[in-house]
Structure formats: structure tokens, C-alpha cells
């Protein structure tokens, strides 16, 4: 569970990230979820771009993405969603727990 301080830190890291995944006309498919699982394991922090031809808006897709990947919500700005999940084998992001 992310604390407010942790979420703020992740937002600052996400500021310079380019989207690593896109959701288009196919919507949220099993292939997309598999791709996101791999990206989360490799990068921990992932920005997703929801294209205009997507069948739904970004705010409506966020909950399903979080449920199916086990990730935590960081932020949504416009059509960009940022999610986080701690890597099991490739931990890169450390939080200041003081």
C-alpha cells in the first residue's frame, strides 16, 4: 500500500517517463495485461497512453488495469495513466520510510 509520500515520490519519477504501453481500439486485452506484467516486473513504474481510438476513456480503464495486474495507482493526467508494482526480482525504486 502506497503512502501519500511514496505516491508523491513516484509522481516525481514518472514526470520524465515516456509511455511504455498503449491502449488502442482493442481495449484491455489479455495481451496488454501480459505486456504490463512484464513491464512492471522490469521497470516497476509504468506510464500507459490511452489512444483516442480506444473503446473507453482512461479514467474508466484504470480500475480494471489495477485489478488485473495487481499494481497500485500513482496518477492519471489526461489520457496517461501511471501505475506501480514492486518487482520481485529486479527492485529498483527505494522509498524513504523514515
PDB file of N, CA and C in Angstrom:
ATOM      1  N   UNK A   1       0.839  -1.185   0.000  1.00  0.00           N
ATOM      2  CA  UNK A   1       0.000   0.000   0.000  1.00  0.00           C
ATOM      3  C   UNK A   1       0.879   1.243   0.000  1.00  0.00           C
ATOM      4  N   UNK A   2       0.657   2.097  -0.953  1.00  0.00           N
ATOM      5  CA  UNK A   2       1.451   3.314  -1.060  1.00  0.00           C
ATOM      6  C   UNK A   2       0.953   4.380  -0.097  1.00  0.00           C
ATOM      7  N   UNK A   3       1.890   5.034   0.562  1.00  0.00           N
ATOM      8  CA  UNK A   3       1.555   6.189   1.391  1.00  0.00           C
ATOM      9  C   UNK A   3       1.562   7.422   0.492  1.00  0.00           C
ATOM     10  N   UNK A   4       1.006   8.509   0.984  1.00  0.00           N
ATOM     11  CA  UNK A   4       0.970   9.752   0.212  1.00  0.00           C
ATOM     12  C   UNK A   4       2.358  10.220  -0.182  1.00  0.00           C
ATOM     13  N   UNK A   5       3.298  10.078   0.738  1.00  0.00           N
ATOM     14  CA  UNK A   5       4.686  10.473   0.486  1.00  0.00           C
ATOM     15  C   UNK A   5       5.302   9.612  -0.623  1.00  0.00           C
ATOM     16  N   UNK A   6       5.004   8.313  -0.596  1.00  0.00           N
ATOM     17  CA  UNK A   6       5.504   7.399  -1.622  1.00  0.00           C
ATOM     18  C   UNK A   6       4.925   7.755  -2.986  1.00  0.00           C
ATOM     19  N   UNK A   7       3.626   8.018  -3.005  1.00  0.00           N
ATOM     20  CA  UNK A   7       2.952   8.363  -4.261  1.00  0.00           C
ATOM     21  C   UNK A   7       3.534   9.656  -4.841  1.00  0.00           C
ATOM     22  N   UNK A   8       3.823  10.631  -3.987  1.00  0.00           N
ATOM     23  CA  UNK A   8       4.431  11.890  -4.443  1.00  0.00           C
ATOM     24  C   UNK A   8       5.799  11.629  -5.064  1.00  0.00           C
ATOM     25  N   UNK A   9       6.578  10.760  -4.423  1.00  0.00           N
ATOM     26  CA  UNK A   9       7.892  10.411  -4.944  1.00  0.00           C
ATOM     27  C   UNK A   9       7.772   9.738  -6.311  1.00  0.00           C
ATOM     28  N   UNK A  10       6.826   8.809  -6.448  1.00  0.00           N
ATOM     29  CA  UNK A  10       6.625   8.122  -7.727  1.00  0.00           C
ATOM     30  C   UNK A  10       6.157   9.093  -8.810  1.00  0.00           C
ATOM     31  N   UNK A  11       5.323  10.050  -8.448  1.00  0.00           N
ATOM     32  CA  UNK A  11       4.879  11.064  -9.412  1.00  0.00           C
ATOM     33  C   UNK A  11       6.071  11.853  -9.936  1.00  0.00           C
ATOM     34  N   UNK A  12       7.005  12.187  -9.041  1.00  0.00           N
ATOM     35  CA  UNK A  12       8.182  12.940  -9.477  1.00  0.00           C
ATOM     36  C   UNK A  12       9.045  12.101 -10.421  1.00  0.00           C
ATOM     37  N   UNK A  13       9.150  10.800 -10.162  1.00  0.00           N
ATOM     38  CA  UNK A  13       9.896   9.918 -11.055  1.00  0.00           C
ATOM     39  C   UNK A  13       9.190   9.766 -12.407  1.00  0.00           C
ATOM     40  N   UNK A  14       7.880   9.710 -12.369  1.00  0.00           N
ATOM     41  CA  UNK A  14       7.088   9.491 -13.584  1.00  0.00           C
ATOM     42  C   UNK A  14       7.075  10.712 -14.500  1.00  0.00           C
ATOM     43  N   UNK A  15       7.399  11.855 -13.945  1.00  0.00           N
ATOM     44  CA  UNK A  15       7.371  13.103 -14.696  1.00  0.00           C
ATOM     45  C   UNK A  15       8.177  13.018 -15.987  1.00  0.00           C
ATOM     46  N   UNK A  16       9.321  12.362 -15.954  1.00  0.00           N
ATOM     47  CA  UNK A  16      10.200  12.286 -17.116  1.00  0.00           C
ATOM     48  C   UNK A  16      10.053  10.997 -17.913  1.00  0.00           C
ATOM     49  N   UNK A  17       9.149  10.125 -17.498  1.00  0.00           N
ATOM     50  CA  UNK A  17       8.959   8.851 -18.202  1.00  0.00           C
ATOM     51  C   UNK A  17       8.154   9.030 -19.485  1.00  0.00           C
ATOM     52  N   UNK A  18       8.515   8.251 -20.474  1.00  0.00           N
ATOM     53  CA  UNK A  18       7.712   8.169 -21.687  1.00  0.00           C
ATOM     54  C   UNK A  18       6.780   6.960 -21.526  1.00  0.00           C
ATOM     55  N   UNK A  19       5.588   7.014 -22.108  1.00  0.00           N
ATOM     56  CA  UNK A  19       4.691   5.856 -22.022  1.00  0.00           C
ATOM     57  C   UNK A  19       5.329   4.608 -22.618  1.00  0.00           C
ATOM     58  N   UNK A  20       5.240   3.494 -21.887  1.00  0.00           N
ATOM     59  CA  UNK A  20       5.808   2.224 -22.336  1.00  0.00           C
ATOM     60  C   UNK A  20       4.758   1.320 -22.966  1.00  0.00           C
ATOM     61  N   UNK A  21       3.490   1.636 -22.756  1.00  0.00           N
ATOM     62  CA  UNK A  21       2.398   0.821 -23.311  1.00  0.00           C
ATOM     63  C   UNK A  21       1.301   1.749 -23.815  1.00  0.00           C
ATOM     64  N   UNK A  22       0.552   1.238 -24.784  1.00  0.00           N
ATOM     65  CA  UNK A  22      -0.569   1.999 -25.331  1.00  0.00           C
ATOM     66  C   UNK A  22      -1.814   1.127 -25.351  1.00  0.00           C
ATOM     67  N   UNK A  23      -2.941   1.774 -25.096  1.00  0.00           N
ATOM     68  CA  UNK A  23      -4.229   1.092 -25.208  1.00  0.00           C
ATOM     69  C   UNK A  23      -4.938   1.712 -26.394  1.00  0.00           C
ATOM     70  N   UNK A  24      -5.235   0.892 -27.391  1.00  0.00           N
ATOM     71  CA  UNK A  24      -5.882   1.377 -28.601  1.00  0.00           C
ATOM     72  C   UNK A  24      -7.272   0.806 -28.761  1.00  0.00           C
ATOM     73  N   UNK A  25      -7.640   0.548 -30.005  1.00  0.00           N
ATOM     74  CA  UNK A  25      -9.004   0.115 -30.304  1.00  0.00           C
ATOM     75  C   UNK A  25      -9.335  -1.257 -29.741  1.00  0.00           C
ATOM     76  N   UNK A  26      -8.323  -2.063 -29.428  1.00  0.00           N
ATOM     77  CA  UNK A  26      -8.577  -3.388 -28.842  1.00  0.00           C
ATOM     78  C   UNK A  26      -8.947  -3.315 -27.369  1.00  0.00           C
ATOM     79  N   UNK A  27      -8.692  -2.170 -26.743  1.00  0.00           N
ATOM     80  CA  UNK A  27      -9.018  -2.022 -25.323  1.00  0.00           C
ATOM     81  C   UNK A  27      -8.062  -2.814 -24.454  1.00  0.00           C
ATOM     82  N   UNK A  28      -8.551  -3.272 -23.320  1.00  0.00           N
ATOM     83  CA  UNK A  28      -7.730  -4.021 -22.367  1.00  0.00           C
ATOM     84  C   UNK A  28      -7.839  -5.505 -22.690  1.00  0.00           C
ATOM     85  N   UNK A  29      -6.843  -6.013 -23.403  1.00  0.00           N
ATOM     86  CA  UNK A  29      -6.828  -7.421 -23.809  1.00  0.00           C
ATOM     87  C   UNK A  29      -5.895  -8.213 -22.898  1.00  0.00           C
ATOM     88  N   UNK A  30      -5.946  -9.534 -23.015  1.00  0.00           N
ATOM     89  CA  UNK A  30      -5.029 -10.387 -22.257  1.00  0.00           C
ATOM     90  C   UNK A  30      -3.582 -10.095 -22.649  1.00  0.00           C
ATOM     91  N   UNK A  31      -3.361  -9.810 -23.922  1.00  0.00           N
ATOM     92  CA  UNK A  31      -2.020  -9.474 -24.399  1.00  0.00           C
ATOM     93  C   UNK A  31      -1.489  -8.216 -23.745  1.00  0.00           C
ATOM     94  N   UNK A  32      -2.352  -7.216 -23.587  1.00  0.00           N
ATOM     95  CA  UNK A  32      -1.946  -5.979 -22.925  1.00  0.00           C
ATOM     96  C   UNK A  32      -1.597  -6.239 -21.465  1.00  0.00           C
ATOM     97  N   UNK A  33      -2.398  -7.035 -20.783  1.00  0.00           N
ATOM     98  CA  UNK A  33      -2.143  -7.342 -19.371  1.00  0.00           C
ATOM     99  C   UNK A  33      -0.816  -8.093 -19.228  1.00  0.00           C
ATOM    100  N   UNK A  34      -0.548  -9.036 -20.134  1.00  0.00           N
ATOM    101  CA  UNK A  34       0.731  -9.754 -20.110  1.00  0.00           C
ATOM    102  C   UNK A  34       1.897  -8.798 -20.326  1.00  0.00           C
ATOM    103  N   UNK A  35       1.732  -7.867 -21.259  1.00  0.00           N
ATOM    104  CA  UNK A  35       2.768  -6.868 -21.531  1.00  0.00           C
ATOM    105  C   UNK A  35       2.994  -5.994 -20.297  1.00  0.00           C
ATOM    106  N   UNK A  36       1.913  -5.555 -19.658  1.00  0.00           N
ATOM    107  CA  UNK A  36       2.031  -4.716 -18.469  1.00  0.00           C
ATOM    108  C   UNK A  36       2.700  -5.474 -17.319  1.00  0.00           C
ATOM    109  N   UNK A  37       2.369  -6.760 -17.156  1.00  0.00           N
ATOM    110  CA  UNK A  37       3.018  -7.569 -16.120  1.00  0.00           C
ATOM    111  C   UNK A  37       4.531  -7.595 -16.315  1.00  0.00           C
ATOM    112  N   UNK A  38       4.956  -7.806 -17.555  1.00  0.00           N
ATOM    113  CA  UNK A  38       6.394  -7.843 -17.855  1.00  0.00           C
ATOM    114  C   UNK A  38       7.027  -6.472 -17.625  1.00  0.00           C
ATOM    115  N   UNK A  39       6.371  -5.419 -18.085  1.00  0.00           N
ATOM    116  CA  UNK A  39       6.897  -4.064 -17.904  1.00  0.00           C
ATOM    117  C   UNK A  39       7.007  -3.705 -16.422  1.00  0.00           C
ATOM    118  N   UNK A  40       6.000  -4.080 -15.634  1.00  0.00           N
ATOM    119  CA  UNK A  40       6.032  -3.794 -14.197  1.00  0.00           C
ATOM    120  C   UNK A  40       7.162  -4.559 -13.509  1.00  0.00           C
ATOM    121  N   UNK A  41       7.394  -5.780 -13.933  1.00  0.00           N
ATOM    122  CA  UNK A  41       8.484  -6.559 -13.344  1.00  0.00           C
ATOM    123  C   UNK A  41       9.843  -5.955 -13.708  1.00  0.00           C
ATOM    124  N   UNK A  42       9.966  -5.455 -14.935  1.00  0.00           N
ATOM    125  CA  UNK A  42      11.239  -4.890 -15.399  1.00  0.00           C
ATOM    126  C   UNK A  42      11.480  -3.464 -14.910  1.00  0.00           C
ATOM    127  N   UNK A  43      10.419  -2.654 -14.835  1.00  0.00           N
ATOM    128  CA  UNK A  43      10.572  -1.221 -14.565  1.00  0.00           C
ATOM    129  C   UNK A  43       9.935  -0.735 -13.263  1.00  0.00           C
ATOM    130  N   UNK A  44       8.985  -1.457 -12.739  1.00  0.00           N
ATOM    131  CA  UNK A  44       8.213  -1.120 -11.537  1.00  0.00           C
ATOM    132  C   UNK A  44       7.242   0.044 -11.755  1.00  0.00           C
ATOM    133  N   UNK A  45       7.679   1.106 -12.381  1.00  0.00           N
ATOM    134  CA  UNK A  45       6.840   2.282 -12.623  1.00  0.00           C
ATOM    135  C   UNK A  45       6.569   2.373 -14.120  1.00  0.00           C
ATOM    136  N   UNK A  46       5.290   2.316 -14.507  1.00  0.00           N
ATOM    137  CA  UNK A  46       4.930   2.256 -15.923  1.00  0.00           C
ATOM    138  C   UNK A  46       3.883   3.313 -16.239  1.00  0.00           C
ATOM    139  N   UNK A  47       4.126   4.039 -17.328  1.00  0.00           N
ATOM    140  CA  UNK A  47       3.169   5.024 -17.819  1.00  0.00           C
ATOM    141  C   UNK A  47       2.487   4.431 -19.051  1.00  0.00           C
ATOM    142  N   UNK A  48       1.164   4.542 -19.089  1.00  0.00           N
ATOM    143  CA  UNK A  48       0.350   3.969 -20.170  1.00  0.00           C
ATOM    144  C   UNK A  48      -0.368   5.107 -20.885  1.00  0.00           C
ATOM    145  N   UNK A  49      -0.339   5.070 -22.208  1.00  0.00           N
ATOM    146  CA  UNK A  49      -1.029   6.073 -23.010  1.00  0.00           C
ATOM    147  C   UNK A  49      -2.316   5.457 -23.567  1.00  0.00           C
ATOM    148  N   UNK A  50      -3.443   6.087 -23.305  1.00  0.00           N
ATOM    149  CA  UNK A  50      -4.722   5.627 -23.845  1.00  0.00           C
ATOM    150  C   UNK A  50      -5.007   6.453 -25.098  1.00  0.00           C
ATOM    151  N   UNK A  51      -5.013   5.774 -26.239  1.00  0.00           N
ATOM    152  CA  UNK A  51      -5.199   6.457 -27.521  1.00  0.00           C
ATOM    153  C   UNK A  51      -6.651   6.887 -27.719  1.00  0.00           C
ATOM    154  N   UNK A  52      -6.843   7.818 -28.644  1.00  0.00           N
ATOM    155  CA  UNK A  52      -8.193   8.341 -28.901  1.00  0.00           C
ATOM    156  C   UNK A  52      -9.127   7.291 -29.477  1.00  0.00           C
ATOM    157  N   UNK A  53      -8.575   6.290 -30.185  1.00  0.00           N
ATOM    158  CA  UNK A  53      -9.439   5.265 -30.781  1.00  0.00           C
ATOM    159  C   UNK A  53      -9.778   4.147 -29.798  1.00  0.00           C
ATOM    160  N   UNK A  54      -9.405   4.324 -28.547  1.00  0.00           N
ATOM    161  CA  UNK A  54      -9.711   3.348 -27.513  1.00  0.00           C
ATOM    162  C   UNK A  54     -11.222   3.295 -27.274  1.00  0.00           C
ATOM    163  N   UNK A  55     -11.747   2.114 -26.933  1.00  0.00           N
ATOM    164  CA  UNK A  55     -13.197   1.995 -26.744  1.00  0.00           C
ATOM    165  C   UNK A  55     -13.722   2.697 -25.488  1.00  0.00           C
ATOM    166  N   UNK A  56     -12.841   3.119 -24.592  1.00  0.00           N
ATOM    167  CA  UNK A  56     -13.271   3.759 -23.351  1.00  0.00           C
ATOM    168  C   UNK A  56     -12.250   4.823 -22.964  1.00  0.00           C
ATOM    169  N   UNK A  57     -12.591   5.654 -21.997  1.00  0.00           N
ATOM    170  CA  UNK A  57     -11.690   6.697 -21.517  1.00  0.00           C
ATOM    171  C   UNK A  57     -10.730   6.125 -20.478  1.00  0.00           C
ATOM    172  N   UNK A  58      -9.614   6.814 -20.293  1.00  0.00           N
ATOM    173  CA  UNK A  58      -8.573   6.362 -19.364  1.00  0.00           C
ATOM    174  C   UNK A  58      -9.124   6.172 -17.953  1.00  0.00           C
ATOM    175  N   UNK A  59      -9.931   7.111 -17.476  1.00  0.00           N
ATOM    176  CA  UNK A  59     -10.418   7.023 -16.094  1.00  0.00           C
ATOM    177  C   UNK A  59     -11.285   5.786 -15.864  1.00  0.00           C
ATOM    178  N   UNK A  60     -11.929   5.296 -16.916  1.00  0.00           N
ATOM    179  CA  UNK A  60     -12.775   4.115 -16.792  1.00  0.00           C
ATOM    180  C   UNK A  60     -11.976   2.811 -16.891  1.00  0.00           C
ATOM    181  N   UNK A  61     -10.757   2.872 -17.422  1.00  0.00           N
ATOM    182  CA  UNK A  61      -9.930   1.676 -17.593  1.00  0.00           C
ATOM    183  C   UNK A  61      -8.998   1.421 -16.417  1.00  0.00           C
ATOM    184  N   UNK A  62      -8.747   2.432 -15.648  1.00  0.00           N
ATOM    185  CA  UNK A  62      -7.748   2.347 -14.582  1.00  0.00           C
ATOM    186  C   UNK A  62      -8.036   1.212 -13.605  1.00  0.00           C
ATOM    187  N   UNK A  63      -9.251   1.104 -13.121  1.00  0.00           N
ATOM    188  CA  UNK A  63      -9.595   0.093 -12.115  1.00  0.00           C
ATOM    189  C   UNK A  63      -9.368  -1.325 -12.634  1.00  0.00           C
ATOM    190  N   UNK A  64      -9.764  -1.573 -13.877  1.00  0.00           N
ATOM    191  CA  UNK A  64      -9.570  -2.914 -14.446  1.00  0.00           C
ATOM    192  C   UNK A  64      -8.082  -3.231 -14.583  1.00  0.00           C
ATOM    193  N   UNK A  65      -7.291  -2.264 -15.022  1.00  0.00           N
ATOM    194  CA  UNK A  65      -5.847  -2.474 -15.151  1.00  0.00           C
ATOM    195  C   UNK A  65      -5.242  -2.801 -13.789  1.00  0.00           C
ATOM    196  N   UNK A  66      -5.615  -2.043 -12.766  1.00  0.00           N
ATOM    197  CA  UNK A  66      -5.077  -2.273 -11.419  1.00  0.00           C
ATOM    198  C   UNK A  66      -5.478  -3.651 -10.900  1.00  0.00           C
ATOM    199  N   UNK A  67      -6.723  -4.040 -11.082  1.00  0.00           N
ATOM    200  CA  UNK A  67      -7.205  -5.342 -10.614  1.00  0.00           C
ATOM    201  C   UNK A  67      -6.506  -6.499 -11.318  1.00  0.00           C
ATOM    202  N   UNK A  68      -6.302  -6.368 -12.608  1.00  0.00           N
ATOM    203  CA  UNK A  68      -5.736  -7.482 -13.382  1.00  0.00           C
ATOM    204  C   UNK A  68      -4.218  -7.582 -13.280  1.00  0.00           C
ATOM    205  N   UNK A  69      -3.536  -6.495 -12.911  1.00  0.00           N
ATOM    206  CA  UNK A  69      -2.069  -6.541 -12.808  1.00  0.00           C
ATOM    207  C   UNK A  69      -1.583  -6.593 -11.367  1.00  0.00           C
ATOM    208  N   UNK A  70      -2.448  -6.254 -10.406  1.00  0.00           N
ATOM    209  CA  UNK A  70      -2.017  -6.196  -9.015  1.00  0.00           C
ATOM    210  C   UNK A  70      -1.173  -4.967  -8.726  1.00  0.00           C
ATOM    211  N   UNK A  71      -1.219  -3.990  -9.623  1.00  0.00           N
ATOM    212  CA  UNK A  71      -0.436  -2.756  -9.464  1.00  0.00           C
ATOM    213  C   UNK A  71      -1.200  -1.751  -8.608  1.00  0.00           C
ATOM    214  N   UNK A  72      -0.500  -0.682  -8.253  1.00  0.00           N
ATOM    215  CA  UNK A  72      -1.117   0.396  -7.488  1.00  0.00           C
ATOM    216  C   UNK A  72      -1.167   1.654  -8.334  1.00  0.00           C
ATOM    217  N   UNK A  73      -2.220   2.423  -8.136  1.00  0.00           N
ATOM    218  CA  UNK A  73      -2.428   3.665  -8.876  1.00  0.00           C
ATOM    219  C   UNK A  73      -1.458   4.737  -8.380  1.00  0.00           C
ATOM    220  N   UNK A  74      -0.812   5.415  -9.323  1.00  0.00           N
ATOM    221  CA  UNK A  74       0.055   6.542  -8.975  1.00  0.00           C
ATOM    222  C   UNK A  74      -0.628   7.840  -9.379  1.00  0.00           C
ATOM    223  N   UNK A  75      -0.968   7.963 -10.670  1.00  0.00           N
ATOM    224  CA  UNK A  75      -1.663   9.160 -11.125  1.00  0.00           C
ATOM    225  C   UNK A  75      -2.259   8.960 -12.505  1.00  0.00           C
ATOM    226  N   UNK A  76      -3.191   9.838 -12.847  1.00  0.00           N
ATOM    227  CA  UNK A  76      -3.721   9.910 -14.200  1.00  0.00           C
ATOM    228  C   UNK A  76      -3.780  11.371 -14.587  1.00  0.00           C
ATOM    229  N   UNK A  77      -3.158  11.683 -15.696  1.00  0.00           N
ATOM    230  CA  UNK A  77      -3.218  13.043 -16.232  1.00  0.00           C
ATOM    231  C   UNK A  77      -3.694  12.923 -17.672  1.00  0.00           C
ATOM    232  N   UNK A  78      -4.882  13.410 -17.936  1.00  0.00           N
ATOM    233  CA  UNK A  78      -5.451  13.313 -19.278  1.00  0.00           C
ATOM    234  C   UNK A  78      -5.598  11.862 -19.685  1.00  0.00           C
ATOM    235  N   UNK A  79      -4.939  11.497 -20.786  1.00  0.00           N
ATOM    236  CA  UNK A  79      -5.038  10.129 -21.293  1.00  0.00           C
ATOM    237  C   UNK A  79      -3.855   9.258 -20.867  1.00  0.00           C
ATOM    238  N   UNK A  80      -3.085   9.723 -19.912  1.00  0.00           N
ATOM    239  CA  UNK A  80      -1.924   8.974 -19.424  1.00  0.00           C
ATOM    240  C   UNK A  80      -2.178   8.455 -18.006  1.00  0.00           C
ATOM    241  N   UNK A  81      -1.946   7.156 -17.830  1.00  0.00           N
ATOM    242  CA  UNK A  81      -2.120   6.505 -16.533  1.00  0.00           C
ATOM    243  C   UNK A  81      -0.744   6.023 -16.078  1.00  0.00           C
ATOM    244  N   UNK A  82      -0.403   6.274 -14.824  1.00  0.00           N
ATOM    245  CA  UNK A  82       0.853   5.774 -14.274  1.00  0.00           C
ATOM    246  C   UNK A  82       0.539   4.804 -13.144  1.00  0.00           C
ATOM    247  N   UNK A  83       1.175   3.604 -13.215  1.00  0.00           N
ATOM    248  CA  UNK A  83       0.956   2.573 -12.211  1.00  0.00           C
ATOM    249  C   UNK A  83       2.299   2.091 -11.673  1.00  0.00           C
ATOM    250  N   UNK A  84       2.255   1.472 -10.486  1.00  0.00           N
ATOM    251  CA  UNK A  84       3.469   0.971  -9.835  1.00  0.00           C
ATOM    252  C   UNK A  84       3.201  -0.397  -9.234  1.00  0.00           C
ATOM    253  N   UNK A  85       4.186  -1.279  -9.372  1.00  0.00           N
ATOM    254  CA  UNK A  85       4.164  -2.551  -8.663  1.00  0.00           C
ATOM    255  C   UNK A  85       5.610  -2.932  -8.378  1.00  0.00           C
ATOM    256  N   UNK A  86       5.872  -3.238  -7.126  1.00  0.00           N
ATOM    257  CA  UNK A  86       7.230  -3.620  -6.741  1.00  0.00           C
ATOM    258  C   UNK A  86       7.651  -4.892  -7.473  1.00  0.00           C
ATOM    259  N   UNK A  87       8.844  -4.866  -8.023  1.00  0.00           N
ATOM    260  CA  UNK A  87       9.388  -6.024  -8.734  1.00  0.00           C
ATOM    261  C   UNK A  87       9.814  -7.097  -7.747  1.00  0.00           C
ATOM    262  N   UNK A  88       9.597  -8.352  -8.106  1.00  0.00           N
ATOM    263  CA  UNK A  88      10.003  -9.453  -7.240  1.00  0.00           C
ATOM    264  C   UNK A  88      11.505  -9.719  -7.340  1.00  0.00           C
ATOM    265  N   UNK A  89      12.070  -9.564  -8.539  1.00  0.00           N
ATOM    266  CA  UNK A  89      13.473  -9.912  -8.760  1.00  0.00           C
ATOM    267  C   UNK A  89      14.344  -8.738  -9.192  1.00  0.00           C
ATOM    268  N   UNK A  90      13.764  -7.610  -9.560  1.00  0.00           N
ATOM    269  CA  UNK A  90      14.522  -6.505 -10.138  1.00  0.00           C
ATOM    270  C   UNK A  90      14.168  -5.185  -9.458  1.00  0.00           C
ATOM    271  N   UNK A  91      14.183  -5.168  -8.128  1.00  0.00           N
ATOM    272  CA  UNK A  91      13.758  -3.979  -7.372  1.00  0.00           C
ATOM    273  C   UNK A  91      14.687  -2.803  -7.659  1.00  0.00           C
ATOM    274  N   UNK A  92      14.103  -1.694  -8.099  1.00  0.00           N
ATOM    275  CA  UNK A  92      14.876  -0.513  -8.468  1.00  0.00           C
ATOM    276  C   UNK A  92      14.511   0.706  -7.628  1.00  0.00           C
ATOM    277  N   UNK A  93      13.269   0.811  -7.224  1.00  0.00           N
ATOM    278  CA  UNK A  93      12.791   2.009  -6.533  1.00  0.00           C
ATOM    279  C   UNK A  93      12.778   1.757  -5.032  1.00  0.00           C
ATOM    280  N   UNK A  94      13.481   2.594  -4.311  1.00  0.00           N
ATOM    281  CA  UNK A  94      13.539   2.517  -2.844  1.00  0.00           C
ATOM    282  C   UNK A  94      12.788   3.716  -2.256  1.00  0.00           C
ATOM    283  N   UNK A  95      11.980   3.463  -1.251  1.00  0.00           N
ATOM    284  CA  UNK A  95      11.237   4.541  -0.599  1.00  0.00           C
ATOM    285  C   UNK A  95      11.924   4.897   0.716  1.00  0.00           C
ATOM    286  N   UNK A  96      11.872   6.174   1.047  1.00  0.00           N
ATOM    287  CA  UNK A  96      12.390   6.647   2.343  1.00  0.00           C
ATOM    288  C   UNK A  96      11.301   6.406   3.368  1.00  0.00           C
ATOM    289  N   UNK A  97      11.482   5.414   4.218  1.00  0.00           N
ATOM    290  CA  UNK A  97      10.453   5.022   5.198  1.00  0.00           C
ATOM    291  C   UNK A  97      10.668   5.653   6.560  1.00  0.00           C
ATOM    292  N   UNK A  98      11.391   6.743   6.621  1.00  0.00           N
ATOM    293  CA  UNK A  98      11.616   7.444   7.909  1.00  0.00           C
ATOM    294  C   UNK A  98      10.514   8.425   8.199  1.00  0.00           C
TER     295      UNK A  98
END
